[in-house]
Amino acid sequence: MIGLAGGEDPFAGVFAFLADCGVIDSASSFGGSPQAPQNAEELAVCLAEVDQDAALAVLRGMTSRTLAYGVRGRYPVDKAQDVFEKLITLLGHGTRWWTNTDLGWWRPVIRHTMDALIVGTGGGVLVVVLAADED
Protein backbone atom coordinates (compact mmCIF):
# COMPACT_ATOMS: atom_id res chain seq x y z
CA MET A 1 0.00 0.00 0.00
CA ILE A 2 1.14 3.50 -0.77
CA GLY A 3 1.45 5.59 2.36
CA LEU A 4 2.71 8.87 3.64
CA ALA A 5 5.89 9.62 5.49
CA GLY A 6 5.38 8.95 9.16
CA GLY A 7 2.98 6.11 8.45
CA GLU A 8 -0.10 8.26 7.78
CA ASP A 9 -2.42 6.56 5.30
CA PRO A 10 -4.71 8.84 3.27
CA PHE A 11 -6.59 5.99 1.60
CA ALA A 12 -8.67 4.96 4.60
CA GLY A 13 -10.06 8.49 4.75
CA VAL A 14 -10.62 8.64 1.00
CA PHE A 15 -12.42 5.29 1.01
CA ALA A 16 -14.62 6.43 3.90
CA PHE A 17 -15.43 9.61 1.94
CA LEU A 18 -16.43 7.62 -1.15
CA ALA A 19 -18.54 5.24 0.92
CA ASP A 20 -20.26 8.15 2.68
CA CYS A 21 -21.07 9.66 -0.73
CA GLY A 22 -22.81 6.41 -1.69
CA VAL A 23 -20.71 5.77 -4.79
CA ILE A 24 -19.15 2.47 -3.71
CA ASP A 25 -21.14 -0.54 -4.85
CA SER A 26 -21.26 -3.97 -3.25
CA ALA A 27 -22.19 -5.86 -6.45
CA SER A 28 -22.14 -5.11 -10.15
CA SER A 29 -25.38 -4.33 -11.91
CA PHE A 30 -25.16 -7.79 -13.51
CA GLY A 31 -24.89 -9.60 -10.17
CA GLY A 32 -21.16 -10.28 -10.43
CA SER A 33 -18.28 -8.92 -8.43
CA PRO A 34 -18.36 -5.17 -7.79
CA GLN A 35 -16.32 -2.92 -10.02
CA ALA A 36 -15.43 -0.50 -7.23
CA PRO A 37 -12.84 -1.23 -4.54
CA GLN A 38 -14.36 -2.59 -1.34
CA ASN A 39 -11.78 -1.25 1.12
CA ALA A 40 -8.88 1.17 1.42
CA GLU A 41 -6.31 -1.44 0.38
CA GLU A 42 -8.18 -2.17 -2.87
CA LEU A 43 -8.53 1.57 -3.50
CA ALA A 44 -4.78 2.11 -3.08
CA VAL A 45 -4.10 -0.47 -5.80
CA CYS A 46 -6.22 1.59 -8.23
CA LEU A 47 -4.25 4.78 -7.65
CA ALA A 48 -0.90 5.75 -9.11
CA GLU A 49 1.27 8.46 -7.60
CA VAL A 50 1.82 11.31 -10.06
CA ASP A 51 3.82 14.50 -10.06
CA GLN A 52 2.35 17.97 -9.67
CA ASP A 53 2.17 18.64 -13.44
CA ALA A 54 0.25 15.41 -14.07
CA ALA A 55 -2.06 16.17 -11.15
CA LEU A 56 -2.78 19.62 -12.56
CA ALA A 57 -3.51 18.15 -16.00
CA VAL A 58 -6.00 15.66 -14.51
CA LEU A 59 -7.66 18.30 -12.32
CA ARG A 60 -7.96 20.70 -15.24
CA GLY A 61 -9.24 18.03 -17.62
CA MET A 62 -11.77 16.45 -15.26
CA THR A 63 -13.42 19.78 -14.52
CA SER A 64 -13.25 21.49 -17.93
CA ARG A 65 -14.90 18.69 -19.93
CA THR A 66 -17.17 15.75 -19.26
CA LEU A 67 -15.60 12.32 -18.98
CA ALA A 68 -18.02 10.51 -21.30
CA TYR A 69 -18.34 12.87 -24.24
CA GLY A 70 -15.67 15.51 -23.73
CA VAL A 71 -18.10 18.44 -23.88
CA ARG A 72 -17.75 21.57 -21.75
CA GLY A 73 -17.55 20.74 -18.07
CA ARG A 74 -17.94 22.79 -14.91
CA TYR A 75 -15.19 25.30 -15.74
CA PRO A 76 -13.67 26.68 -18.94
CA VAL A 77 -10.08 25.41 -19.30
CA ASP A 78 -8.51 28.74 -18.26
CA LYS A 79 -10.65 28.94 -15.13
CA ALA A 80 -9.86 25.32 -14.20
CA GLN A 81 -6.15 26.02 -14.67
CA ASP A 82 -6.36 29.07 -12.39
CA VAL A 83 -8.40 27.33 -9.67
CA PHE A 84 -6.14 24.31 -9.44
CA GLU A 85 -2.87 26.24 -9.68
CA LYS A 86 -4.07 28.15 -6.61
CA LEU A 87 -4.98 24.88 -4.86
CA ILE A 88 -1.54 23.46 -5.58
CA THR A 89 0.09 26.63 -4.24
CA LEU A 90 -2.00 26.47 -1.06
CA LEU A 91 -1.04 22.85 -0.41
CA GLY A 92 2.61 23.76 -0.81
CA HIS A 93 5.85 22.18 -1.93
CA GLY A 94 6.11 18.47 -1.27
CA THR A 95 2.42 17.72 -1.79
CA ARG A 96 1.88 14.14 -2.92
CA TRP A 97 -0.74 13.29 -5.55
CA TRP A 98 -2.46 10.06 -6.58
CA THR A 99 -5.01 9.42 -9.31
CA ASN A 100 -6.81 6.58 -11.02
CA THR A 101 -6.55 8.17 -14.48
CA ASP A 102 -4.70 10.29 -16.99
CA LEU A 103 -8.11 10.85 -18.67
CA GLY A 104 -7.12 8.45 -21.47
CA TRP A 105 -7.26 5.35 -19.23
CA TRP A 106 -8.48 4.72 -15.71
CA ARG A 107 -8.92 2.12 -13.03
CA PRO A 108 -12.53 2.34 -11.81
CA VAL A 109 -12.93 3.43 -8.18
CA ILE A 110 -16.71 3.91 -8.02
CA ARG A 111 -19.81 2.32 -9.50
CA HIS A 112 -20.29 4.83 -12.35
CA THR A 113 -19.23 4.01 -15.90
CA MET A 114 -16.44 6.59 -15.90
CA ASP A 115 -14.70 8.21 -12.99
CA ALA A 116 -11.72 10.39 -12.25
CA LEU A 117 -10.35 10.60 -8.72
CA ILE A 118 -7.42 12.67 -7.57
CA VAL A 119 -6.06 12.78 -4.05
CA GLY A 120 -3.57 15.36 -2.84
CA THR A 121 -2.00 15.58 0.59
CA GLY A 122 0.25 18.35 1.78
CA GLY A 123 0.48 20.92 4.51
CA GLY A 124 -1.55 18.70 6.81
CA VAL A 125 -4.53 18.75 4.40
CA LEU A 126 -6.12 15.94 2.38
CA VAL A 127 -7.91 17.02 -0.82
CA VAL A 128 -10.17 14.64 -2.75
CA VAL A 129 -11.68 15.58 -6.11
CA LEU A 130 -14.04 13.12 -7.79
CA ALA A 131 -15.79 13.35 -11.16
CA ALA A 132 -18.19 10.71 -12.46
CA ASP A 133 -20.05 10.31 -15.71
CA GLU A 134 -22.28 7.85 -17.53
CA ASP A 135 -22.46 7.24 -21.24
C-alpha atoms as a PDB file:
ATOM      1  CA  MET A   1       0.000   0.000   0.000  1.00  0.00           C
ATOM      2  CA  ILE A   2       1.142   3.497  -0.769  1.00  0.00           C
ATOM      3  CA  GLY A   3       1.451   5.586   2.358  1.00  0.00           C
ATOM      4  CA  LEU A   4       2.715   8.866   3.638  1.00  0.00           C
ATOM      5  CA  ALA A   5       5.893   9.616   5.489  1.00  0.00           C
ATOM      6  CA  GLY A   6       5.375   8.954   9.164  1.00  0.00           C
ATOM      7  CA  GLY A   7       2.980   6.106   8.445  1.00  0.00           C
ATOM      8  CA  GLU A   8      -0.098   8.257   7.783  1.00  0.00           C
ATOM      9  CA  ASP A   9      -2.421   6.562   5.298  1.00  0.00           C
ATOM     10  CA  PRO A  10      -4.705   8.840   3.272  1.00  0.00           C
ATOM     11  CA  PHE A  11      -6.593   5.994   1.597  1.00  0.00           C
ATOM     12  CA  ALA A  12      -8.667   4.958   4.603  1.00  0.00           C
ATOM     13  CA  GLY A  13     -10.061   8.494   4.754  1.00  0.00           C
ATOM     14  CA  VAL A  14     -10.618   8.644   1.000  1.00  0.00           C
ATOM     15  CA  PHE A  15     -12.423   5.295   1.008  1.00  0.00           C
ATOM     16  CA  ALA A  16     -14.617   6.434   3.896  1.00  0.00           C
ATOM     17  CA  PHE A  17     -15.432   9.608   1.940  1.00  0.00           C
ATOM     18  CA  LEU A  18     -16.430   7.620  -1.152  1.00  0.00           C
ATOM     19  CA  ALA A  19     -18.537   5.237   0.922  1.00  0.00           C
ATOM     20  CA  ASP A  20     -20.260   8.152   2.678  1.00  0.00           C
ATOM     21  CA  CYS A  21     -21.071   9.658  -0.728  1.00  0.00           C
ATOM     22  CA  GLY A  22     -22.809   6.415  -1.693  1.00  0.00           C
ATOM     23  CA  VAL A  23     -20.707   5.771  -4.792  1.00  0.00           C
ATOM     24  CA  ILE A  24     -19.153   2.470  -3.708  1.00  0.00           C
ATOM     25  CA  ASP A  25     -21.141  -0.543  -4.854  1.00  0.00           C
ATOM     26  CA  SER A  26     -21.260  -3.973  -3.250  1.00  0.00           C
ATOM     27  CA  ALA A  27     -22.188  -5.857  -6.446  1.00  0.00           C
ATOM     28  CA  SER A  28     -22.135  -5.109 -10.145  1.00  0.00           C
ATOM     29  CA  SER A  29     -25.380  -4.332 -11.914  1.00  0.00           C
ATOM     30  CA  PHE A  30     -25.159  -7.789 -13.512  1.00  0.00           C
ATOM     31  CA  GLY A  31     -24.888  -9.600 -10.169  1.00  0.00           C
ATOM     32  CA  GLY A  32     -21.162 -10.281 -10.429  1.00  0.00           C
ATOM     33  CA  SER A  33     -18.283  -8.921  -8.433  1.00  0.00           C
ATOM     34  CA  PRO A  34     -18.362  -5.174  -7.794  1.00  0.00           C
ATOM     35  CA  GLN A  35     -16.316  -2.916 -10.022  1.00  0.00           C
ATOM     36  CA  ALA A  36     -15.429  -0.504  -7.234  1.00  0.00           C
ATOM     37  CA  PRO A  37     -12.841  -1.232  -4.542  1.00  0.00           C
ATOM     38  CA  GLN A  38     -14.360  -2.595  -1.335  1.00  0.00           C
ATOM     39  CA  ASN A  39     -11.785  -1.255   1.123  1.00  0.00           C
ATOM     40  CA  ALA A  40      -8.881   1.173   1.425  1.00  0.00           C
ATOM     41  CA  GLU A  41      -6.312  -1.437   0.375  1.00  0.00           C
ATOM     42  CA  GLU A  42      -8.182  -2.166  -2.870  1.00  0.00           C
ATOM     43  CA  LEU A  43      -8.527   1.568  -3.497  1.00  0.00           C
ATOM     44  CA  ALA A  44      -4.781   2.113  -3.081  1.00  0.00           C
ATOM     45  CA  VAL A  45      -4.099  -0.470  -5.804  1.00  0.00           C
ATOM     46  CA  CYS A  46      -6.219   1.585  -8.232  1.00  0.00           C
ATOM     47  CA  LEU A  47      -4.254   4.782  -7.650  1.00  0.00           C
ATOM     48  CA  ALA A  48      -0.896   5.748  -9.106  1.00  0.00           C
ATOM     49  CA  GLU A  49       1.268   8.458  -7.597  1.00  0.00           C
ATOM     50  CA  VAL A  50       1.818  11.312 -10.056  1.00  0.00           C
ATOM     51  CA  ASP A  51       3.823  14.500 -10.059  1.00  0.00           C
ATOM     52  CA  GLN A  52       2.352  17.974  -9.674  1.00  0.00           C
ATOM     53  CA  ASP A  53       2.169  18.639 -13.444  1.00  0.00           C
ATOM     54  CA  ALA A  54       0.255  15.406 -14.073  1.00  0.00           C
ATOM     55  CA  ALA A  55      -2.055  16.170 -11.147  1.00  0.00           C
ATOM     56  CA  LEU A  56      -2.780  19.616 -12.563  1.00  0.00           C
ATOM     57  CA  ALA A  57      -3.515  18.146 -15.996  1.00  0.00           C
ATOM     58  CA  VAL A  58      -5.999  15.664 -14.511  1.00  0.00           C
ATOM     59  CA  LEU A  59      -7.663  18.300 -12.319  1.00  0.00           C
ATOM     60  CA  ARG A  60      -7.961  20.701 -15.241  1.00  0.00           C
ATOM     61  CA  GLY A  61      -9.240  18.028 -17.616  1.00  0.00           C
ATOM     62  CA  MET A  62     -11.766  16.448 -15.258  1.00  0.00           C
ATOM     63  CA  THR A  63     -13.425  19.778 -14.523  1.00  0.00           C
ATOM     64  CA  SER A  64     -13.248  21.490 -17.925  1.00  0.00           C
ATOM     65  CA  ARG A  65     -14.901  18.688 -19.927  1.00  0.00           C
ATOM     66  CA  THR A  66     -17.168  15.750 -19.262  1.00  0.00           C
ATOM     67  CA  LEU A  67     -15.597  12.318 -18.983  1.00  0.00           C
ATOM     68  CA  ALA A  68     -18.018  10.508 -21.301  1.00  0.00           C
ATOM     69  CA  TYR A  69     -18.344  12.874 -24.240  1.00  0.00           C
ATOM     70  CA  GLY A  70     -15.669  15.513 -23.735  1.00  0.00           C
ATOM     71  CA  VAL A  71     -18.096  18.440 -23.884  1.00  0.00           C
ATOM     72  CA  ARG A  72     -17.749  21.568 -21.753  1.00  0.00           C
ATOM     73  CA  GLY A  73     -17.554  20.741 -18.073  1.00  0.00           C
ATOM     74  CA  ARG A  74     -17.936  22.793 -14.908  1.00  0.00           C
ATOM     75  CA  TYR A  75     -15.194  25.303 -15.740  1.00  0.00           C
ATOM     76  CA  PRO A  76     -13.666  26.677 -18.937  1.00  0.00           C
ATOM     77  CA  VAL A  77     -10.075  25.405 -19.300  1.00  0.00           C
ATOM     78  CA  ASP A  78      -8.507  28.736 -18.261  1.00  0.00           C
ATOM     79  CA  LYS A  79     -10.652  28.941 -15.125  1.00  0.00           C
ATOM     80  CA  ALA A  80      -9.858  25.321 -14.199  1.00  0.00           C
ATOM     81  CA  GLN A  81      -6.145  26.022 -14.667  1.00  0.00           C
ATOM     82  CA  ASP A  82      -6.360  29.071 -12.394  1.00  0.00           C
ATOM     83  CA  VAL A  83      -8.405  27.329  -9.669  1.00  0.00           C
ATOM     84  CA  PHE A  84      -6.136  24.310  -9.440  1.00  0.00           C
ATOM     85  CA  GLU A  85      -2.869  26.241  -9.685  1.00  0.00           C
ATOM     86  CA  LYS A  86      -4.071  28.152  -6.614  1.00  0.00           C
ATOM     87  CA  LEU A  87      -4.982  24.884  -4.857  1.00  0.00           C
ATOM     88  CA  ILE A  88      -1.537  23.460  -5.576  1.00  0.00           C
ATOM     89  CA  THR A  89       0.095  26.630  -4.238  1.00  0.00           C
ATOM     90  CA  LEU A  90      -2.004  26.472  -1.061  1.00  0.00           C
ATOM     91  CA  LEU A  91      -1.039  22.846  -0.411  1.00  0.00           C
ATOM     92  CA  GLY A  92       2.613  23.765  -0.814  1.00  0.00           C
ATOM     93  CA  HIS A  93       5.853  22.177  -1.930  1.00  0.00           C
ATOM     94  CA  GLY A  94       6.114  18.472  -1.273  1.00  0.00           C
ATOM     95  CA  THR A  95       2.420  17.721  -1.786  1.00  0.00           C
ATOM     96  CA  ARG A  96       1.879  14.140  -2.920  1.00  0.00           C
ATOM     97  CA  TRP A  97      -0.735  13.293  -5.553  1.00  0.00           C
ATOM     98  CA  TRP A  98      -2.464  10.064  -6.584  1.00  0.00           C
ATOM     99  CA  THR A  99      -5.014   9.424  -9.308  1.00  0.00           C
ATOM    100  CA  ASN A 100      -6.806   6.576 -11.021  1.00  0.00           C
ATOM    101  CA  THR A 101      -6.550   8.172 -14.483  1.00  0.00           C
ATOM    102  CA  ASP A 102      -4.700  10.291 -16.986  1.00  0.00           C
ATOM    103  CA  LEU A 103      -8.112  10.848 -18.665  1.00  0.00           C
ATOM    104  CA  GLY A 104      -7.122   8.445 -21.469  1.00  0.00           C
ATOM    105  CA  TRP A 105      -7.259   5.348 -19.232  1.00  0.00           C
ATOM    106  CA  TRP A 106      -8.484   4.721 -15.706  1.00  0.00           C
ATOM    107  CA  ARG A 107      -8.922   2.116 -13.034  1.00  0.00           C
ATOM    108  CA  PRO A 108     -12.532   2.344 -11.807  1.00  0.00           C
ATOM    109  CA  VAL A 109     -12.934   3.425  -8.180  1.00  0.00           C
ATOM    110  CA  ILE A 110     -16.706   3.915  -8.022  1.00  0.00           C
ATOM    111  CA  ARG A 111     -19.811   2.324  -9.503  1.00  0.00           C
ATOM    112  CA  HIS A 112     -20.291   4.826 -12.347  1.00  0.00           C
ATOM    113  CA  THR A 113     -19.228   4.008 -15.905  1.00  0.00           C
ATOM    114  CA  MET A 114     -16.437   6.586 -15.895  1.00  0.00           C
ATOM    115  CA  ASP A 115     -14.696   8.215 -12.989  1.00  0.00           C
ATOM    116  CA  ALA A 116     -11.720  10.393 -12.246  1.00  0.00           C
ATOM    117  CA  LEU A 117     -10.353  10.596  -8.719  1.00  0.00           C
ATOM    118  CA  ILE A 118      -7.425  12.673  -7.569  1.00  0.00           C
ATOM    119  CA  VAL A 119      -6.060  12.781  -4.051  1.00  0.00           C
ATOM    120  CA  GLY A 120      -3.571  15.358  -2.840  1.00  0.00           C
ATOM    121  CA  THR A 121      -1.999  15.576   0.586  1.00  0.00           C
ATOM    122  CA  GLY A 122       0.254  18.352   1.776  1.00  0.00           C
ATOM    123  CA  GLY A 123       0.484  20.920   4.512  1.00  0.00           C
ATOM    124  CA  GLY A 124      -1.555  18.696   6.805  1.00  0.00           C
ATOM    125  CA  VAL A 125      -4.530  18.753   4.398  1.00  0.00           C
ATOM    126  CA  LEU A 126      -6.120  15.944   2.383  1.00  0.00           C
ATOM    127  CA  VAL A 127      -7.911  17.024  -0.821  1.00  0.00           C
ATOM    128  CA  VAL A 128     -10.170  14.643  -2.746  1.00  0.00           C
ATOM    129  CA  VAL A 129     -11.684  15.581  -6.110  1.00  0.00           C
ATOM    130  CA  LEU A 130     -14.039  13.123  -7.791  1.00  0.00           C
ATOM    131  CA  ALA A 131     -15.788  13.347 -11.156  1.00  0.00           C
ATOM    132  CA  ALA A 132     -18.189  10.712 -12.455  1.00  0.00           C
ATOM    133  CA  ASP A 133     -20.048  10.309 -15.712  1.00  0.00           C
ATOM    134  CA  GLU A 134     -22.282   7.849 -17.526  1.00  0.00           C
ATOM    135  CA  ASP A 135     -22.461   7.237 -21.242  1.00  0.00           C
END
